[in-house]
Protein backbone atom coordinates (compact mmCIF):
# COMPACT_ATOMS: atom_id res chain seq x y z
CA MET A 1 -0.34 -3.42 7.37
CA GLN A 2 -3.39 -1.33 6.66
CA ILE A 3 -2.82 -1.07 2.90
CA PRO A 4 -1.74 -4.20 1.00
CA LEU A 5 1.89 -4.61 0.03
CA GLN A 6 2.67 -3.08 -3.37
CA ILE A 7 5.50 -4.63 -5.39
CA THR A 8 6.76 -3.12 -8.64
CA TRP A 9 9.12 -5.02 -10.93
CA LYS A 10 11.29 -3.09 -13.39
CA ASP A 11 13.13 -4.68 -16.29
CA PHE A 12 12.50 -8.33 -15.38
CA SER A 13 9.85 -10.88 -14.43
CA PRO A 14 9.89 -12.20 -10.86
CA THR A 15 9.88 -15.82 -9.80
CA PRO A 16 7.34 -16.98 -7.23
CA ALA A 17 10.18 -17.55 -4.73
CA VAL A 18 11.31 -13.92 -4.99
CA GLU A 19 7.78 -12.66 -4.50
CA GLU A 20 7.35 -14.91 -1.45
CA ASP A 21 10.65 -13.60 0.00
CA ILE A 22 9.38 -10.03 -0.22
CA LYS A 23 6.02 -10.90 1.33
CA ARG A 24 7.71 -12.79 4.19
CA TYR A 25 10.08 -9.90 4.95
CA ALA A 26 7.20 -7.39 4.82
CA GLN A 27 5.24 -9.47 7.34
CA LYS A 28 8.26 -9.46 9.66
CA LEU A 29 8.26 -5.64 9.53
CA ASP A 30 4.71 -5.73 10.89
CA GLU A 31 6.09 -7.51 13.96
CA VAL A 32 8.52 -4.63 14.58
CA HIS A 33 6.00 -1.81 14.14
CA ASP A 34 2.30 -2.64 14.20
CA ARG A 35 1.14 0.69 12.73
CA ILE A 36 2.62 0.45 9.21
CA THR A 37 0.05 2.01 6.93
CA SER A 38 1.70 1.18 3.60
CA CYS A 39 4.68 -0.63 2.15
CA ARG A 40 5.85 -0.17 -1.42
CA VAL A 41 8.74 -2.18 -2.83
CA VAL A 42 10.45 -1.52 -6.16
CA VAL A 43 12.80 -4.18 -7.51
CA GLU A 44 14.84 -3.42 -10.57
CA THR A 45 17.84 -4.66 -12.40
CA PRO A 46 19.93 -1.85 -13.82
CA HIS A 47 21.78 -2.25 -17.06
CA ARG A 48 24.67 -4.68 -16.93
CA ASN A 49 27.95 -3.06 -15.94
CA GLN A 50 30.96 -4.50 -17.76
CA LYS A 51 33.23 -4.24 -14.73
CA HIS A 52 30.86 -5.09 -11.89
CA GLY A 53 28.17 -7.34 -13.40
CA LYS A 54 24.42 -7.01 -12.85
CA HIS A 55 23.39 -5.70 -9.42
CA TYR A 56 19.80 -5.67 -8.22
CA HIS A 57 18.32 -2.56 -6.69
CA VAL A 58 15.58 -2.89 -4.07
CA ALA A 59 13.89 0.28 -2.80
CA ILE A 60 11.39 0.21 0.07
CA ASP A 61 9.02 3.00 1.03
CA LEU A 62 7.18 2.57 4.34
CA THR A 63 4.59 4.86 5.83
CA VAL A 64 3.76 4.93 9.53
CA PRO A 65 1.65 7.61 11.23
CA GLY A 66 3.60 10.84 11.09
CA HIS A 67 6.65 9.38 9.31
CA GLU A 68 7.83 8.02 6.00
CA ILE A 69 10.80 5.68 5.79
CA ALA A 70 12.65 5.23 2.52
CA VAL A 71 15.35 2.64 1.98
CA THR A 72 17.47 3.00 -1.13
CA ARG A 73 20.98 1.82 -1.71
CA ASP A 74 23.46 2.12 -4.55
CA PRO A 75 23.61 -1.49 -5.74
CA ALA A 76 27.06 -1.07 -7.29
CA GLN A 77 28.56 -0.56 -3.82
CA ASN A 78 27.87 -4.13 -2.74
CA ALA A 79 29.03 -7.06 -4.87
CA ALA A 80 26.67 -9.36 -2.95
CA HIS A 81 23.73 -7.59 -4.59
CA GLU A 82 24.35 -9.62 -7.73
CA ASP A 83 22.12 -12.11 -5.87
CA LEU A 84 18.54 -10.82 -5.78
CA HIS A 85 17.71 -12.61 -2.52
CA VAL A 86 20.66 -10.92 -0.78
CA ALA A 87 19.63 -7.50 -2.11
CA ILE A 88 16.08 -8.05 -0.80
CA ARG A 89 17.35 -9.23 2.59
CA ASP A 90 19.72 -6.29 2.99
CA SER A 91 17.06 -3.73 2.06
CA PHE A 92 14.49 -5.17 4.47
CA ASN A 93 17.12 -5.36 7.23
CA ALA A 94 17.81 -1.65 6.71
CA ALA A 95 14.07 -0.90 6.85
CA ARG A 96 13.79 -2.96 10.04
CA ARG A 97 16.63 -0.97 11.67
CA GLN A 98 14.97 2.31 10.72
CA LEU A 99 11.64 1.14 12.18
CA LEU A 100 13.37 0.09 15.40
CA ASP A 101 15.11 3.48 15.63
CA LEU A 102 11.79 5.25 15.10
CA SER A 103 10.12 3.12 17.78
CA GLU A 104 12.95 3.87 20.20
CA LYS A 105 12.71 7.62 19.56
CA ARG A 106 8.95 7.51 20.16
CA ARG A 107 9.47 5.57 23.38
CA ASP A 108 12.14 8.03 24.59
CA HIS A 109 9.91 10.99 23.68
CA ARG A 110 7.06 9.56 25.76
CA ARG A 111 9.41 9.11 28.72
CA GLY A 112 10.60 12.70 28.45
CA ARG A 113 14.18 12.01 27.44
């Protein structure tokens, strides 16, 4: 990554383990696409919902030359996102898939498909 990872925490204080999770997942993205110019991660806990509990929201904004990838999900749609580590994993997996799709499109474009 050309610009250091930026992590923003909203409405709570992170534990060192959570911060390390995010850094580890961000490094894995570098293995998928070596030209990531920036990675911004926003982790927030919305207000507690009486019916569904507290779901974490993890948004990722990646910039690669010529493209910007944004990963956002509605945390209330997935009960597993009551666990912060699961919400982080799922968001980074979605970012990884989008980077792989972008790499594939670039490869196909170069081959004239």
